Protein backbone atom coordinates (compact mmCIF):
# COMPACT_ATOMS: atom_id res chain seq x y z
CA MET A 1 11.53 4.18 -10.26
CA LYS A 2 13.60 1.39 -8.80
CA ALA A 3 14.94 4.16 -6.20
CA LYS A 4 11.27 4.66 -5.22
CA ALA A 5 10.86 0.76 -4.94
CA LYS A 6 14.05 0.36 -2.87
CA GLY A 7 12.90 3.33 -0.47
CA ARG A 8 9.49 1.55 -0.03
CA GLN A 9 11.31 -1.93 0.67
CA LYS A 10 13.39 0.00 3.34
CA ALA A 11 10.35 1.77 4.69
CA ASN A 12 8.80 -1.85 5.33
CA ILE A 13 12.14 -3.19 7.09
CA LEU A 14 12.46 -0.14 9.34
CA PRO A 15 9.55 -0.08 11.54
CA PHE A 16 10.49 -3.85 12.40
CA LEU A 17 13.76 -2.89 13.12
CA ASN A 18 12.92 0.01 15.37
CA GLU A 19 10.46 -2.07 17.47
CA TYR A 20 13.60 -4.11 18.53
CA ARG A 21 16.03 -1.11 18.58
CA ASN A 22 13.51 0.78 20.77
CA GLY A 23 13.48 -1.96 23.35
CA ASN A 24 9.55 -2.78 23.10
CA GLY A 25 10.73 -6.38 21.92
CA GLY A 26 8.60 -5.84 18.59
CA LYS A 27 5.17 -6.53 20.54
CA LYS A 28 3.22 -5.52 17.52
CA THR A 29 2.61 -8.01 14.78
CA ASN A 30 0.71 -7.00 11.49
CA GLY A 31 -2.14 -9.40 10.86
CA ARG A 32 -0.99 -12.36 12.74
CA MET A 33 2.16 -12.87 10.39
CA ASN A 34 5.43 -14.50 11.41
CA GLN A 35 8.08 -12.34 10.54
CA TYR A 36 11.82 -13.39 9.72
CA LEU A 37 14.54 -10.99 9.61
CA CYS A 38 17.39 -12.31 7.70
CA SER A 39 21.07 -10.76 7.38
CA LEU A 40 23.99 -11.75 5.62
CA GLU A 41 27.54 -11.21 7.09
CA LYS A 42 31.05 -12.88 6.60
CA ASN A 43 32.91 -14.01 9.50
CA GLN A 44 36.72 -14.33 10.02
CA ALA A 45 36.91 -17.64 8.38
CA GLY A 46 35.45 -16.38 5.27
CA LYS A 47 32.08 -18.42 5.69
CA PHE A 48 28.84 -16.59 5.16
CA SER A 49 26.72 -16.23 8.48
CA VAL A 50 23.06 -15.87 7.83
CA ARG A 51 21.31 -14.34 11.01
CA ILE A 52 17.56 -14.95 11.48
CA ARG A 53 15.28 -13.19 13.97
CA ALA A 54 11.92 -14.78 14.03
CA ARG A 55 9.01 -13.00 15.22
CA PHE A 56 6.23 -15.66 15.89
CA ALA A 57 2.71 -14.04 16.14
CA ARG A 58 0.81 -16.66 17.77
CA ARG A 59 2.52 -16.59 21.01
CA ASN A 60 4.25 -13.15 20.53
CA TRP A 61 7.82 -14.48 21.15
CA THR A 62 11.21 -13.97 19.25
CA LEU A 63 13.85 -16.51 18.50
CA SER A 64 17.14 -15.42 17.16
CA ALA A 65 19.47 -18.07 15.31
CA TYR A 66 22.14 -18.17 12.85
CA LEU A 67 23.67 -20.71 10.33
CA LEU A 68 26.79 -20.97 8.55
CA ALA A 69 27.19 -21.65 4.71
CA SER A 70 30.27 -21.52 2.14
CA SER A 71 28.43 -19.47 -0.43
CA ILE A 72 25.51 -17.28 -1.27
CA ASP A 73 23.42 -19.95 -3.01
CA GLN A 74 23.96 -22.57 0.02
CA SER A 75 22.97 -19.83 2.39
CA THR A 76 19.74 -19.16 0.38
CA ARG A 77 19.10 -23.14 0.37
CA LYS A 78 19.78 -23.46 4.01
CA LEU A 79 17.70 -20.37 4.74
CA GLU A 80 14.88 -21.88 3.20
CA GLN A 81 15.26 -25.18 5.19
CA ALA A 82 15.63 -23.18 8.39
CA ILE A 83 12.64 -21.25 7.76
CA ARG A 84 10.52 -24.22 6.99
CA PHE A 85 11.76 -25.77 10.05
CA MET A 86 10.75 -22.97 12.26
CA GLN A 87 7.48 -22.73 10.67
CA ALA A 88 6.55 -26.25 11.33
CA SER A 89 8.19 -26.44 14.74
CA GLU A 90 6.95 -23.06 16.21
CA GLU A 91 5.00 -24.87 18.95
CA ARG A 92 7.92 -27.32 19.85
CA LEU A 93 10.50 -24.22 20.02
CA TRP A 94 8.21 -22.36 22.20
CA PHE A 95 7.46 -25.11 24.46
CA TRP A 96 11.12 -26.07 25.12
CA GLY A 97 12.74 -22.52 24.60
CA VAL A 98 10.14 -20.31 26.38
CA ASP A 99 7.63 -22.07 28.55
CA ARG A 100 10.00 -24.91 29.84
CA SER A 101 12.82 -22.30 30.42
CA ASP A 102 14.29 -24.60 33.26
CA ASP A 103 16.32 -26.51 30.23
CA PRO A 104 17.19 -23.68 28.03
CA GLY A 105 19.72 -25.86 26.16
CA PHE A 106 17.12 -28.18 24.80
CA ALA A 107 15.74 -25.37 22.43
CA ALA A 108 19.31 -25.02 21.25
CA ASP A 109 19.51 -28.86 20.64
CA LEU A 110 16.35 -28.57 18.63
CA LEU A 111 18.00 -26.12 16.58
CA GLY A 112 21.35 -27.71 16.31
CA LYS A 113 19.61 -30.74 14.43
CA GLU A 114 18.84 -28.34 11.44
CA GLY A 115 22.09 -26.77 11.23
CA LEU A 116 21.05 -23.64 13.36
CA LYS A 117 22.80 -22.20 16.68
CA LEU A 118 21.04 -19.80 18.98
CA ASP A 119 22.24 -16.31 18.33
CA ARG A 120 22.76 -14.31 21.66
CA ARG A 121 23.98 -11.22 20.07
CA ALA A 122 21.60 -8.11 20.97
CA GLU A 123 22.15 -5.95 18.00
CA PHE A 124 21.10 -6.83 14.55
CA PRO A 125 22.51 -5.41 11.18
CA ALA A 126 20.37 -2.69 9.65
CA ARG A 127 20.81 -4.19 6.05
CA SER A 128 18.58 -7.20 6.10
CA SER A 129 15.52 -8.74 4.40
CA LEU A 130 12.21 -9.29 5.96
CA ILE A 131 10.06 -12.47 5.28
CA ARG A 132 6.47 -12.33 6.35
CA LEU A 133 4.52 -15.59 6.48
CA ALA A 134 1.02 -16.57 7.81
CA PRO A 135 1.73 -19.34 10.40
CA ASP A 136 1.66 -22.94 9.18
CA HIS A 137 2.47 -21.66 5.75
CA SER A 138 5.60 -22.85 3.66
CA VAL A 139 8.36 -20.39 2.22
CA SER A 140 7.20 -19.65 -1.62
CA ALA A 141 9.61 -19.24 -4.51
CA ASP A 142 8.65 -15.65 -4.73
CA VAL A 143 9.74 -14.76 -1.47
CA LEU A 144 12.98 -16.64 -1.83
CA LEU A 145 13.66 -14.78 -5.19
CA GLN A 146 13.39 -11.76 -3.10
CA VAL A 147 15.94 -12.91 -0.50
CA ARG A 148 18.29 -14.17 -3.18
CA ARG A 149 18.27 -10.39 -4.64
CA ASP A 150 18.62 -8.98 -1.14
CA PHE A 151 21.63 -11.27 -0.44
CA SER A 152 23.33 -10.66 -3.59
CA GLN A 153 23.20 -6.83 -2.75
CA MET A 154 24.31 -7.45 0.83
CA ARG A 155 27.21 -9.66 -0.50
CA GLU A 156 28.69 -6.20 -2.18
CA VAL A 157 28.96 -4.51 1.22
CA VAL A 158 29.15 -7.70 3.49
CA ARG A 159 30.84 -6.91 6.70
CA VAL A 160 33.04 -9.01 8.82
CA ALA A 161 31.31 -10.42 11.77
CA SER A 162 32.86 -11.51 15.09
CA ASP A 163 31.34 -14.71 16.04
């Protein structure tokens, strides 16, 4: 039964990943939901790197960022804070990151205040967790519990990333 559930979960993530890998930028959004694809890696310094690829439904744009943490628990807490920030600041991030692209460093400064950094890497790990939230909604404990489970499974096969 668990194998079927894992298969269904993987099936939910794969279309989202394929949209990015096929080069169409993930132009389809299901029901106007913001989607956060999250992955856990270990960098060369031994810290955990949480990569986030956020797909915002309102303006149909993508933001890739990452954060560093020293433990799995800290990475989950920081991820929760990052998603709350991104949900609340979607309009500001879009305005300074996309619309006013003559100063692209300003969006990086906004992210930096929350401990996030822009992720310029094109590829995204296949092993990841997908969070879907309606715009202007906060992250629930149930969603974070699933992310904790996914991260604990990822920890077993975490790969060394090159930052």
